[in-house]
Amino acid sequence: MIFAYLDEFGHAGPYFGRSHLRHNASPVFGLAGILLPETAVRPFATVFLKRKKELLDVEIQRSNKNGYEWEKKGTNLFTANSISKYPAVRNAMLRLINEVRNSQGKIFYYGREKIRGTEDVRANGLYTTVFANAIRQINSYCESIGENFVLIVDEHSARKELLETAAKTMFGAEPVRRLLSPPFEVESYLNQNMQAADWIATIVGRLWNHRLDPLDFAAYSDYEKYYWRRVHSVATHSSVMQRPRNKAQSASHGSEPHVGSLGLKLKAALSLKTTTIIEEVTTIAVDHCD
């Protein structure tokens, strides 16, 4: 059996652009996290708790709480500044990715680029659409390995809508048959694996912010450098649905439509080659620490 822990990334509300006074949070919304085999669920939580204590012991002590009842949100921990300036923080995510792989688990995400420049956005509608598609993608993965799965999510204000969406996906047209029950909601501060999913979701969200708006989110370039290849070396059945752009939109978001598809692939290959050496050195260093 597979245990799927999912948390949100990005933002479900309107998006006009990074410079907009109100709607400037994220051009994408989705769900991301970890897929763990049943036998790895408790061992993974134990390792995560140990690593969390090692990294954040000072903050835990200051809180006067035990490590198992204290959490640090990924959005507050893995800031652009912290992963650039503090190797311990940067490497904590690399070790977490390694631990997912070593546990025979997978990283998973599904998201959608939002329609820009309008306030006519139904946040709950976007959430339920993403949720249903995420369930179907996880189901496809579980079909491929012959396993059933259960889904664990953080508490959410739209609980009723999410449960209804899950039930419809399980028993409606084209039913998802590998999901054994509607999702379980948990208190993330008491669930180490949900906290790990939150950390992964933070990284995935910022990777895709940079991918979709490389100019507006130029400060997120280090996420791409350190994490894109490492995340996708462990990810499965994961994607973000991107919206088609006209030439003016493409130019404003840093792409070059006149190059053509082959040219873009060559450019991407050159960019990948440039970052590979940095990432491989980081990988060796982190694996050596482990």
C-alpha atoms as a PDB file:
ATOM      1  CA  MET A   1       0.000   0.000   0.000  1.00  0.00           C
ATOM      2  CA  ILE A   2       1.127   3.559  -0.776  1.00  0.00           C
ATOM      3  CA  PHE A   3       0.627   6.450   1.632  1.00  0.00           C
ATOM      4  CA  ALA A   4       0.318   9.753  -0.262  1.00  0.00           C
ATOM      5  CA  TYR A   5       0.957  12.940   1.735  1.00  0.00           C
ATOM      6  CA  LEU A   6      -0.035  16.101  -0.141  1.00  0.00           C
ATOM      7  CA  ASP A   7       0.127  19.817   0.643  1.00  0.00           C
ATOM      8  CA  GLU A   8      -0.519  22.958  -1.371  1.00  0.00           C
ATOM      9  CA  PHE A   9       1.960  24.956  -3.384  1.00  0.00           C
ATOM     10  CA  GLY A  10       1.495  28.328  -4.998  1.00  0.00           C
ATOM     11  CA  HIS A  11      -1.723  30.252  -4.441  1.00  0.00           C
ATOM     12  CA  ALA A  12      -5.307  29.598  -5.532  1.00  0.00           C
ATOM     13  CA  GLY A  13      -6.329  33.250  -5.863  1.00  0.00           C
ATOM     14  CA  PRO A  14      -5.971  35.690  -8.792  1.00  0.00           C
ATOM     15  CA  TYR A  15      -2.587  36.531 -10.293  1.00  0.00           C
ATOM     16  CA  PHE A  16      -1.842  39.694 -12.277  1.00  0.00           C
ATOM     17  CA  GLY A  17       1.945  39.815 -11.966  1.00  0.00           C
ATOM     18  CA  ARG A  18       4.702  40.143  -9.432  1.00  0.00           C
ATOM     19  CA  SER A  19       4.453  43.939  -9.380  1.00  0.00           C
ATOM     20  CA  HIS A  20       0.691  44.026  -8.780  1.00  0.00           C
ATOM     21  CA  LEU A  21      -0.287  45.564  -5.452  1.00  0.00           C
ATOM     22  CA  ARG A  22      -2.602  42.710  -4.403  1.00  0.00           C
ATOM     23  CA  HIS A  23      -2.591  39.694  -6.703  1.00  0.00           C
ATOM     24  CA  ASN A  24       1.132  38.978  -6.887  1.00  0.00           C
ATOM     25  CA  ALA A  25       1.673  35.728  -4.989  1.00  0.00           C
ATOM     26  CA  SER A  26       2.053  32.997  -7.599  1.00  0.00           C
ATOM     27  CA  PRO A  27       1.166  32.178 -11.218  1.00  0.00           C
ATOM     28  CA  VAL A  28       0.558  28.536 -10.323  1.00  0.00           C
ATOM     29  CA  PHE A  29      -1.426  26.448  -7.868  1.00  0.00           C
ATOM     30  CA  GLY A  30      -1.097  22.770  -7.119  1.00  0.00           C
ATOM     31  CA  LEU A  31      -0.559  19.928  -4.697  1.00  0.00           C
ATOM     32  CA  ALA A  32       2.755  18.252  -3.977  1.00  0.00           C
ATOM     33  CA  GLY A  33       4.259  15.837  -1.521  1.00  0.00           C
ATOM     34  CA  ILE A  34       5.552  12.328  -1.078  1.00  0.00           C
ATOM     35  CA  LEU A  35       4.377   8.818  -1.915  1.00  0.00           C
ATOM     36  CA  LEU A  36       5.682   6.268   0.583  1.00  0.00           C
ATOM     37  CA  PRO A  37       5.301   2.495   0.708  1.00  0.00           C
ATOM     38  CA  GLU A  38       3.593   1.271   3.862  1.00  0.00           C
ATOM     39  CA  THR A  39       6.789  -0.174   5.320  1.00  0.00           C
ATOM     40  CA  ALA A  40       8.566   3.193   5.041  1.00  0.00           C
ATOM     41  CA  VAL A  41       5.933   5.381   6.706  1.00  0.00           C
ATOM     42  CA  ARG A  42       7.206   5.228  10.290  1.00  0.00           C
ATOM     43  CA  PRO A  43      10.950   4.960   9.488  1.00  0.00           C
ATOM     44  CA  PHE A  44      10.693   7.997   7.226  1.00  0.00           C
ATOM     45  CA  ALA A  45       8.943  10.001   9.949  1.00  0.00           C
ATOM     46  CA  THR A  46      11.643   9.012  12.428  1.00  0.00           C
ATOM     47  CA  VAL A  47      14.432  10.163  10.118  1.00  0.00           C
ATOM     48  CA  PHE A  48      12.634  13.406   9.305  1.00  0.00           C
ATOM     49  CA  LEU A  49      12.151  14.186  12.999  1.00  0.00           C
ATOM     50  CA  LYS A  50      15.835  13.519  13.672  1.00  0.00           C
ATOM     51  CA  ARG A  51      16.961  15.767  10.825  1.00  0.00           C
ATOM     52  CA  LYS A  52      14.508  18.487  11.848  1.00  0.00           C
ATOM     53  CA  LYS A  53      15.910  18.473  15.379  1.00  0.00           C
ATOM     54  CA  GLU A  54      19.486  18.632  14.100  1.00  0.00           C
ATOM     55  CA  LEU A  55      18.742  21.600  11.847  1.00  0.00           C
ATOM     56  CA  LEU A  56      16.336  23.565  14.040  1.00  0.00           C
ATOM     57  CA  ASP A  57      17.185  22.576  17.600  1.00  0.00           C
ATOM     58  CA  VAL A  58      17.620  26.175  18.772  1.00  0.00           C
ATOM     59  CA  GLU A  59      14.148  27.139  17.582  1.00  0.00           C
ATOM     60  CA  ILE A  60      12.605  23.986  19.026  1.00  0.00           C
ATOM     61  CA  GLN A  61      14.201  24.624  22.422  1.00  0.00           C
ATOM     62  CA  ARG A  62      13.015  28.224  22.327  1.00  0.00           C
ATOM     63  CA  SER A  63       9.446  27.074  21.707  1.00  0.00           C
ATOM     64  CA  ASN A  64       9.391  24.956  24.887  1.00  0.00           C
ATOM     65  CA  LYS A  65       7.845  22.134  22.869  1.00  0.00           C
ATOM     66  CA  ASN A  66       8.985  18.669  21.956  1.00  0.00           C
ATOM     67  CA  GLY A  67      10.292  18.234  18.428  1.00  0.00           C
ATOM     68  CA  TYR A  68       7.450  15.872  17.528  1.00  0.00           C
ATOM     69  CA  GLU A  69       4.820  18.570  18.279  1.00  0.00           C
ATOM     70  CA  TRP A  70       6.586  21.498  16.609  1.00  0.00           C
ATOM     71  CA  GLU A  71       6.786  22.393  12.939  1.00  0.00           C
ATOM     72  CA  LYS A  72       8.579  24.840  10.710  1.00  0.00           C
ATOM     73  CA  LYS A  73       6.698  25.719   7.543  1.00  0.00           C
ATOM     74  CA  GLY A  74       8.679  25.242   4.373  1.00  0.00           C
ATOM     75  CA  THR A  75       7.818  28.735   3.139  1.00  0.00           C
ATOM     76  CA  ASN A  76       9.570  30.181   6.193  1.00  0.00           C
ATOM     77  CA  LEU A  77      12.545  27.812   6.132  1.00  0.00           C
ATOM     78  CA  PHE A  78      13.475  27.501   2.456  1.00  0.00           C
ATOM     79  CA  THR A  79      13.556  31.148   1.493  1.00  0.00           C
ATOM     80  CA  ALA A  80      15.638  32.321  -1.464  1.00  0.00           C
ATOM     81  CA  ASN A  81      18.031  33.961   0.979  1.00  0.00           C
ATOM     82  CA  SER A  82      18.404  30.940   3.247  1.00  0.00           C
ATOM     83  CA  ILE A  83      19.171  28.396   0.525  1.00  0.00           C
ATOM     84  CA  SER A  84      21.700  30.782  -0.991  1.00  0.00           C
ATOM     85  CA  LYS A  85      23.509  31.777   2.210  1.00  0.00           C
ATOM     86  CA  TYR A  86      23.163  28.766   4.494  1.00  0.00           C
ATOM     87  CA  PRO A  87      24.436  25.387   3.235  1.00  0.00           C
ATOM     88  CA  ALA A  88      22.822  23.587   6.182  1.00  0.00           C
ATOM     89  CA  VAL A  89      19.368  24.739   5.079  1.00  0.00           C
ATOM     90  CA  ARG A  90      20.042  24.055   1.395  1.00  0.00           C
ATOM     91  CA  ASN A  91      21.401  20.589   2.140  1.00  0.00           C
ATOM     92  CA  ALA A  92      18.474  19.746   4.429  1.00  0.00           C
ATOM     93  CA  MET A  93      16.242  19.638   1.355  1.00  0.00           C
ATOM     94  CA  LEU A  94      18.781  17.616  -0.612  1.00  0.00           C
ATOM     95  CA  ARG A  95      18.911  15.093   2.230  1.00  0.00           C
ATOM     96  CA  LEU A  96      15.109  14.962   2.349  1.00  0.00           C
ATOM     97  CA  ILE A  97      14.977  14.173  -1.368  1.00  0.00           C
ATOM     98  CA  ASN A  98      17.623  11.486  -0.821  1.00  0.00           C
ATOM     99  CA  GLU A  99      15.576   9.997   2.009  1.00  0.00           C
ATOM    100  CA  VAL A 100      12.468   9.759  -0.201  1.00  0.00           C
ATOM    101  CA  ARG A 101      14.547   7.883  -2.776  1.00  0.00           C
ATOM    102  CA  ASN A 102      16.205   5.644  -0.176  1.00  0.00           C
ATOM    103  CA  SER A 103      12.764   4.776   1.225  1.00  0.00           C
ATOM    104  CA  GLN A 104      11.655   3.543  -2.218  1.00  0.00           C
ATOM    105  CA  GLY A 105       9.252   6.464  -2.271  1.00  0.00           C
ATOM    106  CA  LYS A 106       8.454   9.107  -4.853  1.00  0.00           C
ATOM    107  CA  ILE A 107       7.960  12.841  -5.002  1.00  0.00           C
ATOM    108  CA  PHE A 108       4.670  13.791  -6.624  1.00  0.00           C
ATOM    109  CA  TYR A 109       3.033  17.001  -7.757  1.00  0.00           C
ATOM    110  CA  TYR A 110       0.223  18.228  -9.958  1.00  0.00           C
ATOM    111  CA  GLY A 111      -0.587  21.865 -10.629  1.00  0.00           C
ATOM    112  CA  ARG A 112      -2.076  24.347 -13.054  1.00  0.00           C
ATOM    113  CA  GLU A 113      -0.919  27.693 -14.296  1.00  0.00           C
ATOM    114  CA  LYS A 114      -3.625  30.212 -13.510  1.00  0.00           C
ATOM    115  CA  ILE A 115      -5.468  32.517 -15.877  1.00  0.00           C
ATOM    116  CA  ARG A 116      -3.799  35.886 -15.437  1.00  0.00           C
ATOM    117  CA  GLY A 117      -5.153  39.392 -15.222  1.00  0.00           C
ATOM    118  CA  THR A 118      -8.619  38.676 -13.868  1.00  0.00           C
ATOM    119  CA  GLU A 119     -10.237  38.598 -10.447  1.00  0.00           C
ATOM    120  CA  ASP A 120     -12.894  36.231 -11.752  1.00  0.00           C
ATOM    121  CA  VAL A 121     -11.195  33.206 -10.216  1.00  0.00           C
ATOM    122  CA  ARG A 122     -12.981  30.551  -8.169  1.00  0.00           C
ATOM    123  CA  ALA A 123     -10.324  29.466  -5.680  1.00  0.00           C
ATOM    124  CA  ASN A 124     -12.296  26.465  -4.423  1.00  0.00           C
ATOM    125  CA  GLY A 125     -13.065  25.423  -7.988  1.00  0.00           C
ATOM    126  CA  LEU A 126      -9.384  25.515  -8.888  1.00  0.00           C
ATOM    127  CA  TYR A 127      -8.529  23.586  -5.736  1.00  0.00           C
ATOM    128  CA  THR A 128     -11.057  20.810  -6.386  1.00  0.00           C
ATOM    129  CA  THR A 129     -10.020  20.520 -10.048  1.00  0.00           C
ATOM    130  CA  VAL A 130      -6.371  20.172  -9.079  1.00  0.00           C
ATOM    131  CA  PHE A 131      -7.312  17.769  -6.299  1.00  0.00           C
ATOM    132  CA  ALA A 132      -9.277  15.466  -8.611  1.00  0.00           C
ATOM    133  CA  ASN A 133      -6.490  15.419 -11.188  1.00  0.00           C
ATOM    134  CA  ALA A 134      -3.867  14.750  -8.514  1.00  0.00           C
ATOM    135  CA  ILE A 135      -5.868  11.743  -7.308  1.00  0.00           C
ATOM    136  CA  ARG A 136      -6.061  10.402 -10.862  1.00  0.00           C
ATOM    137  CA  GLN A 137      -2.336  10.841 -11.412  1.00  0.00           C
ATOM    138  CA  ILE A 138      -1.485   9.028  -8.163  1.00  0.00           C
ATOM    139  CA  ASN A 139      -3.950   6.320  -9.150  1.00  0.00           C
ATOM    140  CA  SER A 140      -2.094   5.902 -12.461  1.00  0.00           C
ATOM    141  CA  TYR A 141       1.180   5.503 -10.584  1.00  0.00           C
ATOM    142  CA  CYS A 142      -0.351   2.929  -8.244  1.00  0.00           C
ATOM    143  CA  GLU A 143      -1.814   1.036 -11.199  1.00  0.00           C
ATOM    144  CA  SER A 144       1.659   0.852 -12.702  1.00  0.00           C
ATOM    145  CA  ILE A 145       3.105  -0.778  -9.572  1.00  0.00           C
ATOM    146  CA  GLY A 146       0.044  -2.827  -8.581  1.00  0.00           C
ATOM    147  CA  GLU A 147      -0.611  -1.082  -5.261  1.00  0.00           C
ATOM    148  CA  ASN A 148      -3.575   0.627  -3.608  1.00  0.00           C
ATOM    149  CA  PHE A 149      -3.186   3.947  -1.827  1.00  0.00           C
ATOM    150  CA  VAL A 150      -4.554   6.149   0.917  1.00  0.00           C
ATOM    151  CA  LEU A 151      -4.391   9.923   0.822  1.00  0.00           C
ATOM    152  CA  ILE A 152      -3.409  12.174   3.727  1.00  0.00           C
ATOM    153  CA  VAL A 153      -3.874  15.935   3.575  1.00  0.00           C
ATOM    154  CA  ASP A 154      -3.537  18.874   5.944  1.00  0.00           C
ATOM    155  CA  GLU A 155      -6.664  20.367   7.478  1.00  0.00           C
ATOM    156  CA  HIS A 156      -8.412  22.687   5.044  1.00  0.00           C
ATOM    157  CA  SER A 157     -11.303  25.141   5.221  1.00  0.00           C
ATOM    158  CA  ALA A 158     -12.863  23.569   2.118  1.00  0.00           C
ATOM    159  CA  ARG A 159     -12.982  20.133   3.752  1.00  0.00           C
ATOM    160  CA  LYS A 160     -16.534  19.342   2.607  1.00  0.00           C
ATOM    161  CA  GLU A 161     -15.795  20.210  -1.045  1.00  0.00           C
ATOM    162  CA  LEU A 162     -12.604  18.137  -1.029  1.00  0.00           C
ATOM    163  CA  LEU A 163     -14.326  15.083   0.425  1.00  0.00           C
ATOM    164  CA  GLU A 164     -17.124  15.406  -2.131  1.00  0.00           C
ATOM    165  CA  THR A 165     -14.523  15.706  -4.915  1.00  0.00           C
ATOM    166  CA  ALA A 166     -12.729  12.600  -3.666  1.00  0.00           C
ATOM    167  CA  ALA A 167     -15.998  10.632  -3.490  1.00  0.00           C
ATOM    168  CA  LYS A 168     -16.944  11.703  -7.022  1.00  0.00           C
ATOM    169  CA  THR A 169     -13.502  10.732  -8.288  1.00  0.00           C
ATOM    170  CA  MET A 170     -13.702   7.354  -6.547  1.00  0.00           C
ATOM    171  CA  PHE A 171     -17.239   6.383  -7.566  1.00  0.00           C
ATOM    172  CA  GLY A 172     -18.329   8.616 -10.451  1.00  0.00           C
ATOM    173  CA  ALA A 173     -17.626   8.323 -14.168  1.00  0.00           C
ATOM    174  CA  GLU A 174     -14.260   6.649 -14.826  1.00  0.00           C
ATOM    175  CA  PRO A 175     -13.827   5.751 -11.138  1.00  0.00           C
ATOM    176  CA  VAL A 176     -10.440   5.737  -9.472  1.00  0.00           C
ATOM    177  CA  ARG A 177     -10.156   2.226  -8.066  1.00  0.00           C
ATOM    178  CA  ARG A 178      -6.799   2.280  -6.270  1.00  0.00           C
ATOM    179  CA  LEU A 179      -7.848   4.889  -3.676  1.00  0.00           C
ATOM    180  CA  LEU A 180      -9.165   2.896  -0.726  1.00  0.00           C
ATOM    181  CA  SER A 181     -11.047   5.627   1.125  1.00  0.00           C
ATOM    182  CA  PRO A 182     -11.733   9.361   1.112  1.00  0.00           C
ATOM    183  CA  PRO A 183      -8.728  11.424   2.283  1.00  0.00           C
ATOM    184  CA  PHE A 184      -7.659  11.586   5.909  1.00  0.00           C
ATOM    185  CA  GLU A 185      -7.096  15.060   7.358  1.00  0.00           C
ATOM    186  CA  VAL A 186      -4.342  15.465   9.937  1.00  0.00           C
ATOM    187  CA  GLU A 187      -2.840  18.184  12.115  1.00  0.00           C
ATOM    188  CA  SER A 188       0.437  18.864  10.362  1.00  0.00           C
ATOM    189  CA  TYR A 189       2.257  19.959  13.519  1.00  0.00           C
ATOM    190  CA  LEU A 190       1.825  16.408  14.848  1.00  0.00           C
ATOM    191  CA  ASN A 191       2.572  14.547  11.626  1.00  0.00           C
ATOM    192  CA  GLN A 192       6.210  14.420  10.502  1.00  0.00           C
ATOM    193  CA  ASN A 193       5.451  13.071   7.038  1.00  0.00           C
ATOM    194  CA  MET A 194       2.954  15.847   6.389  1.00  0.00           C
ATOM    195  CA  GLN A 195       5.625  18.344   7.386  1.00  0.00           C
ATOM    196  CA  ALA A 196       7.980  16.700   4.889  1.00  0.00           C
ATOM    197  CA  ALA A 197       5.272  17.066   2.221  1.00  0.00           C
ATOM    198  CA  ASP A 198       4.963  20.749   3.113  1.00  0.00           C
ATOM    199  CA  TRP A 199       8.719  21.226   2.633  1.00  0.00           C
ATOM    200  CA  ILE A 200       8.606  19.473  -0.742  1.00  0.00           C
ATOM    201  CA  ALA A 201       5.575  21.531  -1.804  1.00  0.00           C
ATOM    202  CA  THR A 202       7.440  24.741  -1.012  1.00  0.00           C
ATOM    203  CA  ILE A 203      10.310  23.786  -3.290  1.00  0.00           C
ATOM    204  CA  VAL A 204       8.011  22.609  -6.096  1.00  0.00           C
ATOM    205  CA  GLY A 205       5.996  25.832  -5.948  1.00  0.00           C
ATOM    206  CA  ARG A 206       9.066  28.031  -6.186  1.00  0.00           C
ATOM    207  CA  LEU A 207      10.564  25.939  -8.959  1.00  0.00           C
ATOM    208  CA  TRP A 208       7.437  26.484 -11.005  1.00  0.00           C
ATOM    209  CA  ASN A 209       7.159  30.159 -10.130  1.00  0.00           C
ATOM    210  CA  HIS A 210      10.603  30.559 -11.667  1.00  0.00           C
ATOM    211  CA  ARG A 211       9.799  28.322 -14.637  1.00  0.00           C
ATOM    212  CA  LEU A 212       6.624  30.215 -15.496  1.00  0.00           C
ATOM    213  CA  ASP A 213       7.908  33.727 -14.763  1.00  0.00           C
ATOM    214  CA  PRO A 214      11.735  33.662 -14.854  1.00  0.00           C
ATOM    215  CA  LEU A 215      11.983  37.462 -14.983  1.00  0.00           C
ATOM    216  CA  ASP A 216       9.481  38.287 -12.252  1.00  0.00           C
ATOM    217  CA  PHE A 217      10.847  35.469 -10.070  1.00  0.00           C
ATOM    218  CA  ALA A 218      14.522  35.927 -10.925  1.00  0.00           C
ATOM    219  CA  ALA A 219      15.344  35.746  -7.214  1.00  0.00           C
ATOM    220  CA  TYR A 220      14.227  32.091  -7.321  1.00  0.00           C
ATOM    221  CA  SER A 221      16.962  31.007  -9.738  1.00  0.00           C
ATOM    222  CA  ASP A 222      18.814  29.137  -6.988  1.00  0.00           C
ATOM    223  CA  TYR A 223      15.855  26.806  -6.536  1.00  0.00           C
ATOM    224  CA  GLU A 224      16.276  25.801 -10.165  1.00  0.00           C
ATOM    225  CA  LYS A 225      20.031  25.417  -9.795  1.00  0.00           C
ATOM    226  CA  TYR A 226      19.966  23.255  -6.701  1.00  0.00           C
ATOM    227  CA  TYR A 227      16.681  21.371  -6.868  1.00  0.00           C
ATOM    228  CA  TRP A 228      15.115  20.983 -10.315  1.00  0.00           C
ATOM    229  CA  ARG A 229      17.086  17.911 -11.399  1.00  0.00           C
ATOM    230  CA  ARG A 230      17.169  16.392  -7.938  1.00  0.00           C
ATOM    231  CA  VAL A 231      13.390  16.683  -7.478  1.00  0.00           C
ATOM    232  CA  HIS A 232      12.671  15.219 -10.909  1.00  0.00           C
ATOM    233  CA  SER A 233      15.093  12.352 -10.449  1.00  0.00           C
ATOM    234  CA  VAL A 234      12.695  11.102  -7.733  1.00  0.00           C
ATOM    235  CA  ALA A 235       9.362  12.436  -9.025  1.00  0.00           C
ATOM    236  CA  THR A 236       6.732  10.357 -10.809  1.00  0.00           C
ATOM    237  CA  HIS A 237       3.539  11.150 -12.760  1.00  0.00           C
ATOM    238  CA  SER A 238       4.079  14.846 -11.990  1.00  0.00           C
ATOM    239  CA  SER A 239       3.229  17.867 -14.108  1.00  0.00           C
ATOM    240  CA  VAL A 240       1.964  21.434 -14.231  1.00  0.00           C
ATOM    241  CA  MET A 241      -0.610  22.310 -16.874  1.00  0.00           C
ATOM    242  CA  GLN A 242       0.702  25.413 -18.622  1.00  0.00           C
ATOM    243  CA  ARG A 243      -1.473  27.828 -20.539  1.00  0.00           C
ATOM    244  CA  PRO A 244      -0.727  28.796 -24.155  1.00  0.00           C
ATOM    245  CA  ARG A 245       0.773  32.246 -24.651  1.00  0.00           C
ATOM    246  CA  ASN A 246       0.787  34.623 -27.552  1.00  0.00           C
ATOM    247  CA  LYS A 247       4.083  36.128 -28.711  1.00  0.00           C
ATOM    248  CA  ALA A 248       3.754  39.241 -26.577  1.00  0.00           C
ATOM    249  CA  GLN A 249       3.089  37.192 -23.452  1.00  0.00           C
ATOM    250  CA  SER A 250       5.967  34.842 -24.216  1.00  0.00           C
ATOM    251  CA  ALA A 251       8.382  37.725 -24.645  1.00  0.00           C
ATOM    252  CA  SER A 252       7.234  39.324 -21.393  1.00  0.00           C
ATOM    253  CA  HIS A 253       7.878  36.084 -19.531  1.00  0.00           C
ATOM    254  CA  GLY A 254      11.402  35.636 -20.750  1.00  0.00           C
ATOM    255  CA  SER A 255      10.957  33.034 -23.524  1.00  0.00           C
ATOM    256  CA  GLU A 256      11.999  33.372 -27.179  1.00  0.00           C
ATOM    257  CA  PRO A 257       9.199  32.143 -29.474  1.00  0.00           C
ATOM    258  CA  HIS A 258      11.129  32.840 -32.678  1.00  0.00           C
ATOM    259  CA  VAL A 259      13.794  30.264 -31.797  1.00  0.00           C
ATOM    260  CA  GLY A 260      11.481  27.323 -32.499  1.00  0.00           C
ATOM    261  CA  SER A 261      10.990  24.101 -30.565  1.00  0.00           C
ATOM    262  CA  LEU A 262      14.350  22.583 -31.557  1.00  0.00           C
ATOM    263  CA  GLY A 263      16.188  25.745 -30.620  1.00  0.00           C
ATOM    264  CA  LEU A 264      14.466  25.859 -27.242  1.00  0.00           C
ATOM    265  CA  LYS A 265      15.432  22.235 -26.597  1.00  0.00           C
ATOM    266  CA  LEU A 266      19.059  22.962 -27.464  1.00  0.00           C
ATOM    267  CA  LYS A 267      19.020  26.014 -25.238  1.00  0.00           C
ATOM    268  CA  ALA A 268      17.554  23.980 -22.385  1.00  0.00           C
ATOM    269  CA  ALA A 269      20.218  21.302 -22.894  1.00  0.00           C
ATOM    270  CA  LEU A 270      22.999  23.881 -22.699  1.00  0.00           C
ATOM    271  CA  SER A 271      21.455  25.362 -19.555  1.00  0.00           C
ATOM    272  CA  LEU A 272      21.182  21.886 -18.014  1.00  0.00           C
ATOM    273  CA  LYS A 273      24.837  21.161 -18.822  1.00  0.00           C
ATOM    274  CA  THR A 274      25.878  24.399 -17.139  1.00  0.00           C
ATOM    275  CA  THR A 275      24.187  23.501 -13.866  1.00  0.00           C
ATOM    276  CA  THR A 276      25.002  19.779 -13.848  1.00  0.00           C
ATOM    277  CA  ILE A 277      28.529  20.193 -12.454  1.00  0.00           C
ATOM    278  CA  ILE A 278      27.299  22.366  -9.579  1.00  0.00           C
ATOM    279  CA  GLU A 279      24.542  19.904  -8.717  1.00  0.00           C
ATOM    280  CA  GLU A 280      26.769  16.837  -8.947  1.00  0.00           C
ATOM    281  CA  VAL A 281      29.302  18.408  -6.590  1.00  0.00           C
ATOM    282  CA  THR A 282      26.484  19.257  -4.180  1.00  0.00           C
ATOM    283  CA  THR A 283      25.120  15.719  -4.485  1.00  0.00           C
ATOM    284  CA  ILE A 284      28.490  14.176  -3.671  1.00  0.00           C
ATOM    285  CA  ALA A 285      28.876  16.447  -0.653  1.00  0.00           C
ATOM    286  CA  VAL A 286      25.417  15.688   0.687  1.00  0.00           C
ATOM    287  CA  ASP A 287      25.648  11.956   0.079  1.00  0.00           C
ATOM    288  CA  HIS A 288      29.024  11.955   1.828  1.00  0.00           C
ATOM    289  CA  CYS A 289      27.418  13.659   4.849  1.00  0.00           C
ATOM    290  CA  ASP A 290      24.827  10.885   4.950  1.00  0.00           C
END
